[in-house]
């Protein structure tokens, strides 16, 4: 995924959810968009229902207690 502000490549986590009765049930997650799309295509062909995709970019967070940088998907 390319960041709009800086124009650099940013890792992202792609999560696919099934929503039923107002609750989200996670079915699949990966950092590769092509694997996520292939899983979605397979799931739709098999179960005849779509999934909700959530894209979480990777953020760098400074942990001041341990004094180190951590990369998290927020």
PDB file of N, CA and C in Angstrom:
ATOM      1  N   UNK A   1       0.850  -1.161   0.000  1.00  0.00           N
ATOM      2  CA  UNK A   1       0.000   0.000   0.000  1.00  0.00           C
ATOM      3  C   UNK A   1       0.898   1.227   0.000  1.00  0.00           C
ATOM      4  N   UNK A   2       0.536   2.246  -0.778  1.00  0.00           N
ATOM      5  CA  UNK A   2       1.318   3.474  -0.866  1.00  0.00           C
ATOM      6  C   UNK A   2       0.658   4.550  -0.018  1.00  0.00           C
ATOM      7  N   UNK A   3       1.457   5.196   0.839  1.00  0.00           N
ATOM      8  CA  UNK A   3       0.961   6.270   1.695  1.00  0.00           C
ATOM      9  C   UNK A   3       0.687   7.502   0.841  1.00  0.00           C
ATOM     10  N   UNK A   4      -0.471   8.115   1.022  1.00  0.00           N
ATOM     11  CA  UNK A   4      -0.871   9.273   0.219  1.00  0.00           C
ATOM     12  C   UNK A   4      -0.022  10.488   0.559  1.00  0.00           C
ATOM     13  N   UNK A   5       0.273  10.707   1.830  1.00  0.00           N
ATOM     14  CA  UNK A   5       1.014  11.893   2.249  1.00  0.00           C
ATOM     15  C   UNK A   5       2.481  11.852   1.843  1.00  0.00           C
ATOM     16  N   UNK A   6       3.166  10.761   2.147  1.00  0.00           N
ATOM     17  CA  UNK A   6       4.606  10.690   1.883  1.00  0.00           C
ATOM     18  C   UNK A   6       4.948  10.036   0.549  1.00  0.00           C
ATOM     19  N   UNK A   7       4.052   9.231  -0.008  1.00  0.00           N
ATOM     20  CA  UNK A   7       4.307   8.567  -1.274  1.00  0.00           C
ATOM     21  C   UNK A   7       5.195   7.343  -1.152  1.00  0.00           C
ATOM     22  N   UNK A   8       5.450   6.854   0.058  1.00  0.00           N
ATOM     23  CA  UNK A   8       6.305   5.691   0.237  1.00  0.00           C
ATOM     24  C   UNK A   8       5.478   4.436   0.495  1.00  0.00           C
ATOM     25  N   UNK A   9       6.112   3.301   0.302  1.00  0.00           N
ATOM     26  CA  UNK A   9       5.447   2.013   0.491  1.00  0.00           C
ATOM     27  C   UNK A   9       5.253   1.734   1.975  1.00  0.00           C
ATOM     28  N   UNK A  10       4.034   1.354   2.368  1.00  0.00           N
ATOM     29  CA  UNK A  10       3.694   1.053   3.755  1.00  0.00           C
ATOM     30  C   UNK A  10       3.054  -0.328   3.796  1.00  0.00           C
ATOM     31  N   UNK A  11       3.468  -1.150   4.760  1.00  0.00           N
ATOM     32  CA  UNK A  11       2.847  -2.458   4.936  1.00  0.00           C
ATOM     33  C   UNK A  11       1.447  -2.287   5.508  1.00  0.00           C
ATOM     34  N   UNK A  12       0.565  -3.192   5.166  1.00  0.00           N
ATOM     35  CA  UNK A  12      -0.802  -3.139   5.667  1.00  0.00           C
ATOM     36  C   UNK A  12      -1.265  -4.549   6.000  1.00  0.00           C
ATOM     37  N   UNK A  13      -2.197  -4.636   6.934  1.00  0.00           N
ATOM     38  CA  UNK A  13      -2.807  -5.899   7.314  1.00  0.00           C
ATOM     39  C   UNK A  13      -4.223  -5.903   6.766  1.00  0.00           C
ATOM     40  N   UNK A  14      -4.560  -6.930   6.008  1.00  0.00           N
ATOM     41  CA  UNK A  14      -5.881  -7.049   5.400  1.00  0.00           C
ATOM     42  C   UNK A  14      -6.665  -8.104   6.178  1.00  0.00           C
ATOM     43  N   UNK A  15      -7.792  -7.698   6.756  1.00  0.00           N
ATOM     44  CA  UNK A  15      -8.628  -8.611   7.530  1.00  0.00           C
ATOM     45  C   UNK A  15      -9.979  -8.753   6.841  1.00  0.00           C
ATOM     46  N   UNK A  16     -10.446  -9.997   6.735  1.00  0.00           N
ATOM     47  CA  UNK A  16     -11.754 -10.275   6.149  1.00  0.00           C
ATOM     48  C   UNK A  16     -12.690 -10.756   7.251  1.00  0.00           C
ATOM     49  N   UNK A  17     -13.849 -10.121   7.322  1.00  0.00           N
ATOM     50  CA  UNK A  17     -14.826 -10.420   8.361  1.00  0.00           C
ATOM     51  C   UNK A  17     -16.150 -10.850   7.753  1.00  0.00           C
ATOM     52  N   UNK A  18     -16.845 -11.710   8.483  1.00  0.00           N
ATOM     53  CA  UNK A  18     -18.230 -12.046   8.180  1.00  0.00           C
ATOM     54  C   UNK A  18     -19.070 -11.304   9.214  1.00  0.00           C
ATOM     55  N   UNK A  19     -20.047 -10.539   8.756  1.00  0.00           N
ATOM     56  CA  UNK A  19     -20.903  -9.784   9.667  1.00  0.00           C
ATOM     57  C   UNK A  19     -22.265 -10.454   9.703  1.00  0.00           C
ATOM     58  N   UNK A  20     -22.668 -10.866  10.900  1.00  0.00           N
ATOM     59  CA  UNK A  20     -23.955 -11.531  11.063  1.00  0.00           C
ATOM     60  C   UNK A  20     -24.534 -11.119  12.412  1.00  0.00           C
ATOM     61  N   UNK A  21     -25.734 -10.598  12.384  1.00  0.00           N
ATOM     62  CA  UNK A  21     -26.393 -10.189  13.612  1.00  0.00           C
ATOM     63  C   UNK A  21     -25.701  -9.029  14.308  1.00  0.00           C
ATOM     64  N   UNK A  22     -25.018  -8.176  13.555  1.00  0.00           N
ATOM     65  CA  UNK A  22     -24.318  -7.040  14.132  1.00  0.00           C
ATOM     66  C   UNK A  22     -22.980  -7.368  14.755  1.00  0.00           C
ATOM     67  N   UNK A  23     -22.502  -8.598  14.596  1.00  0.00           N
ATOM     68  CA  UNK A  23     -21.216  -9.002  15.163  1.00  0.00           C
ATOM     69  C   UNK A  23     -20.244  -9.339  14.039  1.00  0.00           C
ATOM     70  N   UNK A  24     -18.960  -8.957  14.232  1.00  0.00           N
ATOM     71  CA  UNK A  24     -17.927  -9.256  13.255  1.00  0.00           C
ATOM     72  C   UNK A  24     -17.195 -10.519  13.679  1.00  0.00           C
ATOM     73  N   UNK A  25     -17.126 -11.465  12.752  1.00  0.00           N
ATOM     74  CA  UNK A  25     -16.387 -12.707  12.988  1.00  0.00           C
ATOM     75  C   UNK A  25     -15.241 -12.748  11.987  1.00  0.00           C
ATOM     76  N   UNK A  26     -13.991 -12.723  12.494  1.00  0.00           N
ATOM     77  CA  UNK A  26     -12.834 -12.693  11.602  1.00  0.00           C
ATOM     78  C   UNK A  26     -12.662 -14.049  10.926  1.00  0.00           C
ATOM     79  N   UNK A  27     -12.569 -14.036   9.606  1.00  0.00           N
ATOM     80  CA  UNK A  27     -12.395 -15.260   8.833  1.00  0.00           C
ATOM     81  C   UNK A  27     -10.961 -15.453   8.346  1.00  0.00           C
ATOM     82  N   UNK A  28     -10.258 -14.346   8.053  1.00  0.00           N
ATOM     83  CA  UNK A  28      -8.943 -14.460   7.427  1.00  0.00           C
ATOM     84  C   UNK A  28      -8.195 -13.149   7.620  1.00  0.00           C
ATOM     85  N   UNK A  29      -6.866 -13.210   7.798  1.00  0.00           N
ATOM     86  CA  UNK A  29      -6.045 -12.008   7.808  1.00  0.00           C
ATOM     87  C   UNK A  29      -4.675 -12.324   7.228  1.00  0.00           C
ATOM     88  N   UNK A  30      -4.112 -11.346   6.506  1.00  0.00           N
ATOM     89  CA  UNK A  30      -2.821 -11.506   5.865  1.00  0.00           C
ATOM     90  C   UNK A  30      -2.253 -10.128   5.550  1.00  0.00           C
ATOM     91  N   UNK A  31      -0.971 -10.085   5.213  1.00  0.00           N
ATOM     92  CA  UNK A  31      -0.353  -8.831   4.786  1.00  0.00           C
ATOM     93  C   UNK A  31      -0.229  -8.753   3.270  1.00  0.00           C
ATOM     94  N   UNK A  32      -0.679  -9.781   2.570  1.00  0.00           N
ATOM     95  CA  UNK A  32      -0.604  -9.837   1.102  1.00  0.00           C
ATOM     96  C   UNK A  32      -1.994  -9.631   0.509  1.00  0.00           C
ATOM     97  N   UNK A  33      -2.150  -8.587  -0.300  1.00  0.00           N
ATOM     98  CA  UNK A  33      -3.459  -8.258  -0.870  1.00  0.00           C
ATOM     99  C   UNK A  33      -3.938  -9.344  -1.833  1.00  0.00           C
ATOM    100  N   UNK A  34      -3.023  -9.959  -2.562  1.00  0.00           N
ATOM    101  CA  UNK A  34      -3.430 -10.979  -3.528  1.00  0.00           C
ATOM    102  C   UNK A  34      -3.984 -12.222  -2.819  1.00  0.00           C
ATOM    103  N   UNK A  35      -3.388 -12.621  -1.693  1.00  0.00           N
ATOM    104  CA  UNK A  35      -3.921 -13.756  -0.924  1.00  0.00           C
ATOM    105  C   UNK A  35      -5.297 -13.434  -0.370  1.00  0.00           C
ATOM    106  N   UNK A  36      -5.484 -12.178   0.078  1.00  0.00           N
ATOM    107  CA  UNK A  36      -6.781 -11.771   0.621  1.00  0.00           C
ATOM    108  C   UNK A  36      -7.853 -11.814  -0.460  1.00  0.00           C
ATOM    109  N   UNK A  37      -7.522 -11.336  -1.656  1.00  0.00           N
ATOM    110  CA  UNK A  37      -8.502 -11.347  -2.747  1.00  0.00           C
ATOM    111  C   UNK A  37      -8.806 -12.757  -3.220  1.00  0.00           C
ATOM    112  N   UNK A  38      -7.793 -13.634  -3.261  1.00  0.00           N
ATOM    113  CA  UNK A  38      -8.031 -15.026  -3.653  1.00  0.00           C
ATOM    114  C   UNK A  38      -8.905 -15.745  -2.629  1.00  0.00           C
ATOM    115  N   UNK A  39      -8.663 -15.485  -1.319  1.00  0.00           N
ATOM    116  CA  UNK A  39      -9.500 -16.085  -0.298  1.00  0.00           C
ATOM    117  C   UNK A  39     -10.934 -15.596  -0.431  1.00  0.00           C
ATOM    118  N   UNK A  40     -11.105 -14.303  -0.680  1.00  0.00           N
ATOM    119  CA  UNK A  40     -12.458 -13.752  -0.825  1.00  0.00           C
ATOM    120  C   UNK A  40     -13.170 -14.382  -2.020  1.00  0.00           C
ATOM    121  N   UNK A  41     -12.465 -14.548  -3.119  1.00  0.00           N
ATOM    122  CA  UNK A  41     -13.047 -15.166  -4.308  1.00  0.00           C
ATOM    123  C   UNK A  41     -13.463 -16.607  -4.013  1.00  0.00           C
ATOM    124  N   UNK A  42     -12.607 -17.363  -3.325  1.00  0.00           N
ATOM    125  CA  UNK A  42     -12.931 -18.742  -2.965  1.00  0.00           C
ATOM    126  C   UNK A  42     -14.127 -18.786  -2.019  1.00  0.00           C
ATOM    127  N   UNK A  43     -14.163 -17.897  -1.027  1.00  0.00           N
ATOM    128  CA  UNK A  43     -15.234 -17.884  -0.032  1.00  0.00           C
ATOM    129  C   UNK A  43     -16.580 -17.568  -0.681  1.00  0.00           C
ATOM    130  N   UNK A  44     -16.597 -16.605  -1.595  1.00  0.00           N
ATOM    131  CA  UNK A  44     -17.839 -16.246  -2.276  1.00  0.00           C
ATOM    132  C   UNK A  44     -18.326 -17.394  -3.142  1.00  0.00           C
ATOM    133  N   UNK A  45     -17.404 -18.069  -3.847  1.00  0.00           N
ATOM    134  CA  UNK A  45     -17.797 -19.198  -4.693  1.00  0.00           C
ATOM    135  C   UNK A  45     -18.347 -20.355  -3.859  1.00  0.00           C
ATOM    136  N   UNK A  46     -17.794 -20.570  -2.686  1.00  0.00           N
ATOM    137  CA  UNK A  46     -18.221 -21.688  -1.862  1.00  0.00           C
ATOM    138  C   UNK A  46     -19.491 -21.410  -1.061  1.00  0.00           C
ATOM    139  N   UNK A  47     -19.568 -20.257  -0.401  1.00  0.00           N
ATOM    140  CA  UNK A  47     -20.675 -19.966   0.511  1.00  0.00           C
ATOM    141  C   UNK A  47     -21.726 -19.006  -0.047  1.00  0.00           C
ATOM    142  N   UNK A  48     -21.486 -18.435  -1.213  1.00  0.00           N
ATOM    143  CA  UNK A  48     -22.445 -17.532  -1.869  1.00  0.00           C
ATOM    144  C   UNK A  48     -22.795 -16.313  -1.012  1.00  0.00           C
ATOM    145  N   UNK A  49     -21.797 -15.808  -0.269  1.00  0.00           N
ATOM    146  CA  UNK A  49     -21.967 -14.575   0.496  1.00  0.00           C
ATOM    147  C   UNK A  49     -20.625 -13.856   0.562  1.00  0.00           C
ATOM    148  N   UNK A  50     -20.679 -12.530   0.628  1.00  0.00           N
ATOM    149  CA  UNK A  50     -19.463 -11.732   0.629  1.00  0.00           C
ATOM    150  C   UNK A  50     -18.911 -11.505   2.028  1.00  0.00           C
ATOM    151  N   UNK A  51     -17.712 -10.961   2.075  1.00  0.00           N
ATOM    152  CA  UNK A  51     -17.048 -10.650   3.327  1.00  0.00           C
ATOM    153  C   UNK A  51     -16.677  -9.166   3.345  1.00  0.00           C
ATOM    154  N   UNK A  52     -16.534  -8.616   4.528  1.00  0.00           N
ATOM    155  CA  UNK A  52     -16.124  -7.236   4.745  1.00  0.00           C
ATOM    156  C   UNK A  52     -14.605  -7.202   4.908  1.00  0.00           C
ATOM    157  N   UNK A  53     -13.922  -6.317   4.137  1.00  0.00           N
ATOM    158  CA  UNK A  53     -12.471  -6.218   4.227  1.00  0.00           C
ATOM    159  C   UNK A  53     -12.081  -4.942   4.959  1.00  0.00           C
ATOM    160  N   UNK A  54     -11.197  -5.102   5.933  1.00  0.00           N
ATOM    161  CA  UNK A  54     -10.686  -3.974   6.698  1.00  0.00           C
ATOM    162  C   UNK A  54      -9.185  -3.892   6.434  1.00  0.00           C
ATOM    163  N   UNK A  55      -8.692  -2.692   6.109  1.00  0.00           N
ATOM    164  CA  UNK A  55      -7.278  -2.493   5.806  1.00  0.00           C
ATOM    165  C   UNK A  55      -6.661  -1.670   6.935  1.00  0.00           C
ATOM    166  N   UNK A  56      -5.673  -2.248   7.619  1.00  0.00           N
ATOM    167  CA  UNK A  56      -5.012  -1.583   8.742  1.00  0.00           C
ATOM    168  C   UNK A  56      -3.563  -1.284   8.363  1.00  0.00           C
ATOM    169  N   UNK A  57      -3.179  -0.002   8.226  1.00  0.00           N
ATOM    170  CA  UNK A  57      -1.782   0.321   7.886  1.00  0.00           C
ATOM    171  C   UNK A  57      -0.860   0.094   9.080  1.00  0.00           C
ATOM    172  N   UNK A  58       0.403  -0.157   8.788  1.00  0.00           N
ATOM    173  CA  UNK A  58       1.395  -0.377   9.837  1.00  0.00           C
ATOM    174  C   UNK A  58       1.866   0.965  10.374  1.00  0.00           C
ATOM    175  N   UNK A  59       1.869   1.111  11.692  1.00  0.00           N
ATOM    176  CA  UNK A  59       2.296   2.350  12.344  1.00  0.00           C
ATOM    177  C   UNK A  59       3.504   2.066  13.224  1.00  0.00           C
ATOM    178  N   UNK A  60       4.393   3.045  13.335  1.00  0.00           N
ATOM    179  CA  UNK A  60       5.529   2.941  14.229  1.00  0.00           C
ATOM    180  C   UNK A  60       5.180   3.662  15.520  1.00  0.00           C
ATOM    181  N   UNK A  61       5.283   2.944  16.642  1.00  0.00           N
ATOM    182  CA  UNK A  61       4.917   3.478  17.949  1.00  0.00           C
ATOM    183  C   UNK A  61       6.129   3.399  18.863  1.00  0.00           C
ATOM    184  N   UNK A  62       6.411   4.490  19.580  1.00  0.00           N
ATOM    185  CA  UNK A  62       7.530   4.510  20.522  1.00  0.00           C
ATOM    186  C   UNK A  62       7.039   4.058  21.891  1.00  0.00           C
ATOM    187  N   UNK A  63       7.634   2.993  22.422  1.00  0.00           N
ATOM    188  CA  UNK A  63       7.323   2.492  23.751  1.00  0.00           C
ATOM    189  C   UNK A  63       8.293   3.150  24.725  1.00  0.00           C
ATOM    190  N   UNK A  64       7.825   4.144  25.466  1.00  0.00           N
ATOM    191  CA  UNK A  64       8.714   4.928  26.324  1.00  0.00           C
ATOM    192  C   UNK A  64       9.184   4.163  27.552  1.00  0.00           C
ATOM    193  N   UNK A  65       8.453   3.139  27.988  1.00  0.00           N
ATOM    194  CA  UNK A  65       8.887   2.357  29.143  1.00  0.00           C
ATOM    195  C   UNK A  65      10.105   1.502  28.805  1.00  0.00           C
ATOM    196  N   UNK A  66      10.071   0.872  27.640  1.00  0.00           N
ATOM    197  CA  UNK A  66      11.181   0.010  27.223  1.00  0.00           C
ATOM    198  C   UNK A  66      12.160   0.732  26.306  1.00  0.00           C
ATOM    199  N   UNK A  67      11.848   1.946  25.945  1.00  0.00           N
ATOM    200  CA  UNK A  67      12.691   2.797  25.105  1.00  0.00           C
ATOM    201  C   UNK A  67      13.050   2.144  23.774  1.00  0.00           C
ATOM    202  N   UNK A  68      12.013   1.670  23.064  1.00  0.00           N
ATOM    203  CA  UNK A  68      12.245   1.105  21.740  1.00  0.00           C
ATOM    204  C   UNK A  68      11.037   1.355  20.844  1.00  0.00           C
ATOM    205  N   UNK A  69      11.270   1.266  19.558  1.00  0.00           N
ATOM    206  CA  UNK A  69      10.214   1.458  18.560  1.00  0.00           C
ATOM    207  C   UNK A  69       9.563   0.123  18.272  1.00  0.00           C
ATOM    208  N   UNK A  70       8.240   0.134  18.156  1.00  0.00           N
ATOM    209  CA  UNK A  70       7.482  -1.061  17.813  1.00  0.00           C
ATOM    210  C   UNK A  70       6.631  -0.752  16.598  1.00  0.00           C
ATOM    211  N   UNK A  71       6.480  -1.727  15.715  1.00  0.00           N
ATOM    212  CA  UNK A  71       5.613  -1.576  14.564  1.00  0.00           C
ATOM    213  C   UNK A  71       4.342  -2.374  14.801  1.00  0.00           C
ATOM    214  N   UNK A  72       3.211  -1.690  14.778  1.00  0.00           N
ATOM    215  CA  UNK A  72       1.916  -2.311  15.025  1.00  0.00           C
ATOM    216  C   UNK A  72       0.960  -1.975  13.896  1.00  0.00           C
ATOM    217  N   UNK A  73      -0.025  -2.820  13.721  1.00  0.00           N
ATOM    218  CA  UNK A  73      -1.115  -2.543  12.798  1.00  0.00           C
ATOM    219  C   UNK A  73      -2.251  -1.962  13.614  1.00  0.00           C
ATOM    220  N   UNK A  74      -2.534  -0.675  13.432  1.00  0.00           N
ATOM    221  CA  UNK A  74      -3.569   0.002  14.216  1.00  0.00           C
ATOM    222  C   UNK A  74      -4.753   0.334  13.351  1.00  0.00           C
TER     223      UNK A  74
END
